Amino acid sequence: MNVQHEVSLLVEEIQRLGSKNADGQTCVKFGVLFNDDRCANIFEALVGTLRAAKRKKIIAFEGELLLQGVHDNVDITLLQE
């Protein structure tokens, strides 16, 4: 799969699993995304896809790298719906 396709799938999964924040943007916790069975089947390298989407300013999250367990409560915010 190409990166753009994976990023578009990521946007769909964030919309499916997330909820709207006070600003009307869709947010999801990293732990929810990482532990979802459907996401596990779609994304071979979820963290890499997240970093690619962040570089393209499609999503936002604090820090550079998200790790399971340590960053489960970090919000991933969808900037482009």
Protein backbone atom coordinates (compact mmCIF):
# COMPACT_ATOMS: atom_id res chain seq x y z
CA MET A 1 0.00 0.00 0.00
CA ASN A 2 1.12 3.54 -0.60
CA VAL A 3 1.39 6.10 2.17
CA GLN A 4 -1.44 8.31 0.92
CA HIS A 5 -3.83 5.36 0.88
CA GLU A 6 -2.85 4.34 4.42
CA VAL A 7 -3.28 7.92 5.64
CA SER A 8 -6.79 8.05 4.14
CA LEU A 9 -7.62 4.75 5.87
CA LEU A 10 -6.28 6.21 9.12
CA VAL A 11 -8.61 9.22 8.76
CA GLU A 12 -11.57 6.83 8.34
CA GLU A 13 -10.58 4.86 11.44
CA ILE A 14 -10.15 8.01 13.55
CA GLN A 15 -13.62 9.13 12.44
CA ARG A 16 -15.03 5.68 13.31
CA LEU A 17 -13.42 5.42 16.76
CA GLY A 18 -13.17 9.06 17.79
CA SER A 19 -15.50 11.68 19.15
CA LYS A 20 -15.80 15.43 18.65
CA ASN A 21 -13.90 17.70 21.04
CA ALA A 22 -14.97 21.19 22.17
CA ASP A 23 -13.57 22.68 18.94
CA GLY A 24 -15.60 20.29 16.78
CA GLN A 25 -12.54 18.27 15.74
CA THR A 26 -12.52 14.47 15.92
CA CYS A 27 -10.17 13.07 18.58
CA VAL A 28 -9.22 9.55 19.59
CA LYS A 29 -6.83 8.24 22.23
CA PHE A 30 -3.76 6.45 20.87
CA GLY A 31 -4.52 3.41 23.04
CA VAL A 32 -8.01 3.07 21.55
CA LEU A 33 -6.61 3.23 18.02
CA PHE A 34 -3.70 0.90 18.76
CA ASN A 35 -5.82 -1.74 20.50
CA ASP A 36 -8.63 -1.80 17.94
CA ASP A 37 -8.76 -5.15 16.07
CA ARG A 38 -9.75 -3.58 12.76
CA CYS A 39 -6.85 -1.11 12.93
CA ALA A 40 -4.46 -3.93 13.80
CA ASN A 41 -5.54 -5.76 10.65
CA ILE A 42 -5.29 -2.69 8.39
CA PHE A 43 -2.07 -1.07 9.53
CA GLU A 44 1.18 -2.98 9.49
CA ALA A 45 2.99 0.03 10.95
CA LEU A 46 0.43 2.24 12.70
CA VAL A 47 3.05 4.50 14.30
CA GLY A 48 4.67 5.12 10.90
CA THR A 49 1.31 5.97 9.36
CA LEU A 50 0.58 8.35 12.25
CA ARG A 51 3.93 10.10 11.75
CA ALA A 52 3.31 10.42 7.99
CA ALA A 53 -0.15 11.91 8.62
CA LYS A 54 1.31 14.33 11.18
CA ARG A 55 3.98 15.47 8.70
CA LYS A 56 1.20 16.15 6.17
CA LYS A 57 -0.68 18.14 8.87
CA ILE A 58 -3.70 15.84 8.65
CA ILE A 59 -3.54 14.91 12.34
CA ALA A 60 -1.91 16.38 15.43
CA PHE A 61 -0.58 14.82 18.62
CA GLU A 62 1.96 15.78 21.26
CA GLY A 63 5.47 14.44 20.86
CA GLU A 64 7.24 12.83 17.93
CA LEU A 65 6.68 9.13 18.60
CA LEU A 66 3.82 7.26 20.27
CA LEU A 67 4.49 3.99 22.08
CA GLN A 68 1.94 1.46 23.30
CA GLY A 69 1.34 1.65 27.03
CA VAL A 70 3.36 4.83 27.62
CA HIS A 71 1.26 7.03 25.34
CA ASP A 72 -2.15 5.29 25.47
CA ASN A 73 -3.86 8.46 26.78
CA VAL A 74 -2.40 10.82 24.17
CA ASP A 75 -5.07 12.48 22.03
CA ILE A 76 -4.77 12.22 18.27
CA THR A 77 -6.72 15.08 16.69
CA LEU A 78 -7.97 15.04 13.12
CA LEU A 79 -7.18 18.42 11.53
CA GLN A 80 -8.67 17.62 8.10
CA GLU A 81 -11.98 15.76 8.01
